[in-house]
Amino acid sequence: MASFAERIVGAMTLQPSTYEEVERDASATGQAATIVIAAAISNGISFIWYLGFTGFIRNTIFALVGWVIGAAVVWAIGTKVLPSPNTQADVGQLMRTVGFAQSPGLLAFIGIIPILGWLVAIALWVWGLVAWVIAVKQALDYDDTMRAVIVCVLAWVAMVVVSMVLGGTMMMGGRPGF
């Protein structure tokens, strides 16, 4: 079994075997949560001037909530809507793999560098997207990468719709969150 640091490197270098390992290791959920929090903090550092401290904390909380909900949405779509004959997964497996897929986000703090920030953000976004597809493919035991891409796209669309609905609901009455 690889160490936490080796798993991070394996996830960042897009090694399917790393995603398989964390999928099978129920004790890796805490490690995945640590990556999600650390990536959110790293991202928050690059946007601290825009977010402020409260926004920084809110960003971290939203990252954790989004991780759990995102994993559940991917699980539902991947196991109920588009399963393959080999698909056998639970939400915990998706949480671990997609949590580790956020490893490239650990480098988001580099985005604080003037002028290079937007290039870093784009590169990390693409890198993270590729990691998500690999994580989903491994967790859902797909033989076909395109099926994993489709699940990720459908999950993203579902999350955007839910965010828009919740965002509209939270703004009713003029008070966010009420």
Foldseek 3Di string as FASTA:
>chain_A
DDDLVVLLVCLLVLPLVSLLVQLPDLVLLVSLLVLLLLLLLLLCLLCCVPQPPVNSVVSSVVSNVCLQVLLVQLCCCDVPVPADPPFDADSSSSSNQLSSLLSLSNNLNVLNDPPCNVVSVVVSVVSSLSSQLSSSCSRRVHPDSVSSVVSNVVSVVVVVVVCVVLQVVLCPPNHGPD
